[in-house]
């Protein structure tokens, strides 16, 4: 009796969508980078996409993605994911950072997963008002794996599941770091409503709040900004000039 075994094509995984979401400062980009490194160890070709209007680390890492503790990876920037579809064709794993900002994130991820790609998306699950961010939550029913991360509350050191904005701006898309946002728990979110969040920012940075977790975090961020930031380009290959020219993005100051 003979037994015939088929070939297992390890370099062509079955398509799937993985979602990593949570509030600001919960380690979403760090987890995205970790997962892509894991696939690269298995010789999968990975593509990382970042939101082109996120310029927080542009002076130090160019188009690379960066975590709040300044881990970096080379990435391609875009404002709509359809503009990088031709690059995704040659990759088996696609990582998307700040997925909530892409208007076509649902359609793109579903199409790529159906084409056999592994798509890993890191995103905010809610706005500073605790409402859905764009149409991103429509991606949840289509995903094979969904993880919500939590941060440390910058008021009480508890588990923080929400993002609170500092200041009076009301637009939903307002890109920033610790100068504009805090990670907070339910109780601190409720206690410090939008009406007094400006006072909250002042209290955390001056006077009686000098020992708050928010103040320690800002000190750490300021110290890291003074140190040089290096992009880890390996093993991800740098984009060619032709590829860069093929991508056009809207420019907007924040």
Protein backbone atom coordinates (compact mmCIF):
# COMPACT_ATOMS: atom_id res chain seq x y z
CA UNK A 1 0.00 0.00 0.00
CA UNK A 2 1.48 3.29 -1.04
CA UNK A 3 0.82 6.58 0.63
CA UNK A 4 1.12 9.84 -1.25
CA UNK A 5 1.92 13.04 0.61
CA UNK A 6 1.17 16.47 -0.78
CA UNK A 7 3.56 19.40 -0.66
CA UNK A 8 3.21 21.95 2.12
CA UNK A 9 3.95 25.41 0.78
CA UNK A 10 5.24 27.13 3.92
CA UNK A 11 5.93 30.41 2.14
CA UNK A 12 2.28 30.84 1.17
CA UNK A 13 0.23 30.98 4.39
CA UNK A 14 -3.54 30.98 4.46
CA UNK A 15 -4.97 34.47 4.50
CA UNK A 16 -6.15 35.99 7.74
CA UNK A 17 -6.71 39.30 9.51
CA UNK A 18 -5.23 40.01 12.93
CA UNK A 19 -6.29 43.13 14.86
CA UNK A 20 -4.33 44.75 17.68
CA UNK A 21 -6.24 47.61 19.21
CA UNK A 22 -6.45 49.61 22.40
CA UNK A 23 -5.90 53.13 23.76
CA UNK A 24 -2.89 55.36 23.27
CA UNK A 25 0.34 54.15 24.91
CA UNK A 26 -0.80 50.52 25.14
CA UNK A 27 2.00 49.08 22.99
CA UNK A 28 0.07 48.49 19.76
CA UNK A 29 2.92 49.38 17.41
CA UNK A 30 5.38 47.45 19.58
CA UNK A 31 3.20 44.34 19.26
CA UNK A 32 2.83 44.91 15.51
CA UNK A 33 6.61 45.02 15.08
CA UNK A 34 7.03 41.93 17.28
CA UNK A 35 4.61 39.90 15.18
CA UNK A 36 6.21 40.91 11.90
CA UNK A 37 9.67 40.02 13.22
CA UNK A 38 8.29 36.60 14.11
CA UNK A 39 7.08 36.07 10.54
CA UNK A 40 10.40 37.30 9.15
CA UNK A 41 12.24 34.66 11.19
CA UNK A 42 10.22 32.12 9.18
CA UNK A 43 11.39 33.82 5.95
CA UNK A 44 8.12 35.52 5.13
CA UNK A 45 8.45 38.78 3.23
CA UNK A 46 6.77 41.54 5.20
CA UNK A 47 5.51 44.99 4.27
CA UNK A 48 4.80 47.66 6.88
CA UNK A 49 2.46 50.55 6.06
CA UNK A 50 2.18 53.74 8.09
CA UNK A 51 -0.20 56.68 7.85
CA UNK A 52 1.47 59.39 5.75
CA UNK A 53 0.07 62.28 7.81
CA UNK A 54 1.59 60.99 11.03
CA UNK A 55 4.73 63.14 11.11
CA UNK A 56 5.57 62.82 14.81
CA UNK A 57 8.89 61.05 14.22
CA UNK A 58 9.59 62.17 10.64
CA UNK A 59 12.65 64.26 11.52
CA UNK A 60 14.37 61.22 13.03
CA UNK A 61 13.03 58.18 11.22
CA UNK A 62 11.63 59.51 7.94
CA UNK A 63 8.93 57.15 6.66
CA UNK A 64 9.57 54.54 9.33
CA UNK A 65 7.09 53.50 11.99
CA UNK A 66 8.12 54.31 15.56
CA UNK A 67 6.87 53.27 18.97
CA UNK A 68 6.58 55.66 21.91
CA UNK A 69 9.81 54.18 23.30
CA UNK A 70 11.37 54.77 19.87
CA UNK A 71 11.68 51.30 18.42
CA UNK A 72 11.64 51.83 14.66
CA UNK A 73 11.15 49.90 11.45
CA UNK A 74 11.28 50.96 7.83
CA UNK A 75 7.82 51.44 6.31
CA UNK A 76 5.98 52.78 3.29
CA UNK A 77 3.69 55.75 3.89
CA UNK A 78 0.20 56.14 2.45
CA UNK A 79 -3.09 57.93 3.04
CA UNK A 80 -5.16 55.24 1.32
CA UNK A 81 -4.18 51.59 1.34
CA UNK A 82 -5.19 50.99 -2.26
CA UNK A 83 -2.16 53.05 -3.33
CA UNK A 84 0.24 50.38 -2.04
CA UNK A 85 -1.65 47.34 -3.32
CA UNK A 86 1.00 46.74 -6.00
CA UNK A 87 3.66 46.47 -3.27
CA UNK A 88 1.57 44.01 -1.27
CA UNK A 89 1.46 41.58 -4.20
CA UNK A 90 5.05 40.47 -3.55
CA UNK A 91 4.62 40.08 0.24
CA UNK A 92 3.00 37.35 2.30
CA UNK A 93 2.54 39.45 5.46
CA UNK A 94 1.28 43.05 5.62
CA UNK A 95 1.48 45.17 8.76
CA UNK A 96 -0.64 48.32 9.03
CA UNK A 97 0.02 50.90 11.76
CA UNK A 98 -2.60 53.47 12.82
CA UNK A 99 -5.20 51.53 10.87
CA UNK A 100 -8.06 53.71 12.11
CA UNK A 101 -6.94 56.55 9.84
CA UNK A 102 -7.24 54.66 6.54
CA UNK A 103 -10.69 55.10 4.94
CA UNK A 104 -10.38 51.88 2.92
CA UNK A 105 -8.94 49.69 5.70
CA UNK A 106 -11.89 47.26 5.74
CA UNK A 107 -11.98 46.66 1.98
CA UNK A 108 -8.18 46.44 1.68
CA UNK A 109 -7.70 43.98 4.54
CA UNK A 110 -10.52 41.73 3.37
CA UNK A 111 -9.17 41.69 -0.19
CA UNK A 112 -5.62 40.93 0.95
CA UNK A 113 -6.72 38.15 3.32
CA UNK A 114 -8.86 36.60 0.57
CA UNK A 115 -5.77 36.67 -1.64
CA UNK A 116 -3.85 34.59 0.93
CA UNK A 117 -2.04 37.37 2.80
CA UNK A 118 -1.67 37.67 6.56
CA UNK A 119 -2.73 41.20 7.52
CA UNK A 120 -1.82 42.54 10.96
CA UNK A 121 -3.47 45.85 11.87
CA UNK A 122 -2.63 48.05 14.87
CA UNK A 123 -5.21 50.73 15.59
CA UNK A 124 -7.13 52.75 18.13
CA UNK A 125 -10.49 51.14 18.78
CA UNK A 126 -12.12 54.38 19.90
CA UNK A 127 -11.80 58.15 19.81
CA UNK A 128 -11.13 60.37 22.82
CA UNK A 129 -14.93 60.49 23.16
CA UNK A 130 -15.06 56.67 23.40
CA UNK A 131 -16.90 56.29 20.11
CA UNK A 132 -15.92 54.19 17.11
CA UNK A 133 -13.04 55.52 15.03
CA UNK A 134 -14.25 55.89 11.44
CA UNK A 135 -15.33 52.56 10.00
CA UNK A 136 -12.48 50.60 11.57
CA UNK A 137 -14.67 48.55 13.92
CA UNK A 138 -16.41 47.11 10.84
CA UNK A 139 -13.23 45.10 10.37
CA UNK A 140 -13.70 43.19 13.64
CA UNK A 141 -16.30 40.67 12.33
CA UNK A 142 -13.97 39.87 9.42
CA UNK A 143 -10.90 39.13 11.56
CA UNK A 144 -9.60 35.76 12.74
CA UNK A 145 -7.79 37.22 15.74
CA UNK A 146 -8.64 40.32 17.80
CA UNK A 147 -6.66 41.53 20.83
CA UNK A 148 -7.36 44.63 22.91
CA UNK A 149 -4.34 45.91 24.80
CA UNK A 150 -4.48 48.17 27.84
CA UNK A 151 -2.11 50.87 29.03
CA UNK A 152 -1.27 52.14 32.52
CA UNK A 153 -3.59 54.92 33.67
CA UNK A 154 -1.62 58.16 33.75
CA UNK A 155 -3.68 59.34 36.71
CA UNK A 156 -3.86 56.40 39.11
CA UNK A 157 -1.60 53.62 37.73
CA UNK A 158 -4.62 51.37 37.13
CA UNK A 159 -5.50 49.50 33.93
CA UNK A 160 -6.24 52.08 31.21
CA UNK A 161 -8.60 51.11 28.41
CA UNK A 162 -9.44 54.61 27.16
CA UNK A 163 -7.77 57.66 25.63
CA UNK A 164 -8.41 61.16 26.96
CA UNK A 165 -7.50 64.30 25.05
CA UNK A 166 -5.74 67.26 26.65
CA UNK A 167 -6.86 70.63 25.31
CA UNK A 168 -9.91 72.08 23.63
CA UNK A 169 -9.58 70.72 20.07
CA UNK A 170 -12.66 68.85 18.92
CA UNK A 171 -11.66 67.34 15.56
CA UNK A 172 -11.49 63.55 15.59
CA UNK A 173 -8.25 63.20 13.61
CA UNK A 174 -5.70 65.07 15.69
CA UNK A 175 -2.36 63.29 15.65
CA UNK A 176 -0.17 63.69 18.71
CA UNK A 177 1.56 62.02 21.62
CA UNK A 178 1.75 62.68 25.35
CA UNK A 179 1.41 66.42 24.77
CA UNK A 180 -2.16 65.86 23.54
CA UNK A 181 -3.38 62.58 25.01
CA UNK A 182 -3.46 60.48 28.17
CA UNK A 183 -4.30 56.83 28.74
CA UNK A 184 -6.90 56.59 31.51
CA UNK A 185 -9.05 54.04 33.33
CA UNK A 186 -12.84 54.19 33.46
CA UNK A 187 -12.97 56.02 36.79
CA UNK A 188 -10.42 58.66 35.80
CA UNK A 189 -12.12 59.15 32.43
CA UNK A 190 -15.43 59.74 34.15
CA UNK A 191 -13.94 61.95 36.86
CA UNK A 192 -12.07 64.23 34.49
CA UNK A 193 -14.58 65.05 31.78
CA UNK A 194 -13.96 67.11 28.66
CA UNK A 195 -15.04 70.26 30.49
CA UNK A 196 -12.01 70.24 32.77
CA UNK A 197 -9.47 68.24 30.77
CA UNK A 198 -7.35 71.38 30.16
CA UNK A 199 -7.05 71.81 33.91
CA UNK A 200 -6.14 68.14 34.13
CA UNK A 201 -3.21 68.67 31.76
CA UNK A 202 -1.94 71.62 33.79
CA UNK A 203 -2.33 69.76 37.08
CA UNK A 204 -0.41 66.76 35.79
CA UNK A 205 2.54 68.86 34.67
CA UNK A 206 2.77 71.43 37.47
CA UNK A 207 2.26 71.94 41.16
CA UNK A 208 0.89 69.04 43.17
CA UNK A 209 0.94 66.52 40.31
CA UNK A 210 4.69 66.34 39.71
CA UNK A 211 4.76 62.69 40.85
CA UNK A 212 1.89 61.54 38.62
CA UNK A 213 2.49 58.75 36.07
CA UNK A 214 1.61 61.25 33.34
CA UNK A 215 4.44 63.56 34.44
CA UNK A 216 6.93 60.66 34.59
CA UNK A 217 5.87 59.57 31.09
CA UNK A 218 6.35 63.07 29.66
CA UNK A 219 9.80 63.32 31.23
CA UNK A 220 10.73 60.00 29.64
CA UNK A 221 9.43 61.14 26.24
CA UNK A 222 11.41 64.40 26.41
CA UNK A 223 14.59 62.54 27.33
CA UNK A 224 14.22 60.12 24.42
CA UNK A 225 13.63 62.96 21.95
CA UNK A 226 17.12 64.27 22.79
CA UNK A 227 18.75 60.94 21.97
CA UNK A 228 19.48 59.82 18.38
CA UNK A 229 16.92 57.51 16.80
CA UNK A 230 18.06 54.72 14.48
CA UNK A 231 15.85 52.83 12.08
CA UNK A 232 16.20 49.07 11.94
CA UNK A 233 16.02 48.39 8.22
CA UNK A 234 16.89 44.70 8.47
CA UNK A 235 15.59 42.42 7.12
CA UNK A 236 13.00 44.68 5.47
CA UNK A 237 14.48 45.99 2.21
CA UNK A 238 14.48 49.76 1.58
CA UNK A 239 12.04 51.05 -1.00
CA UNK A 240 13.41 52.07 -4.37
CA UNK A 241 13.13 55.56 -5.78
CA UNK A 242 10.66 54.31 -8.38
CA UNK A 243 8.40 52.95 -5.66
CA UNK A 244 8.57 56.19 -3.71
CA UNK A 245 7.68 58.16 -6.83
CA UNK A 246 4.72 55.90 -7.50
CA UNK A 247 3.09 56.90 -4.22
CA UNK A 248 1.48 60.31 -3.95
CA UNK A 249 0.12 61.62 -0.68
CA UNK A 250 -1.85 64.59 0.52
CA UNK A 251 0.23 66.98 2.61
CA UNK A 252 -1.33 68.60 5.61
CA UNK A 253 0.09 70.32 8.68
CA UNK A 254 -1.16 69.36 12.09
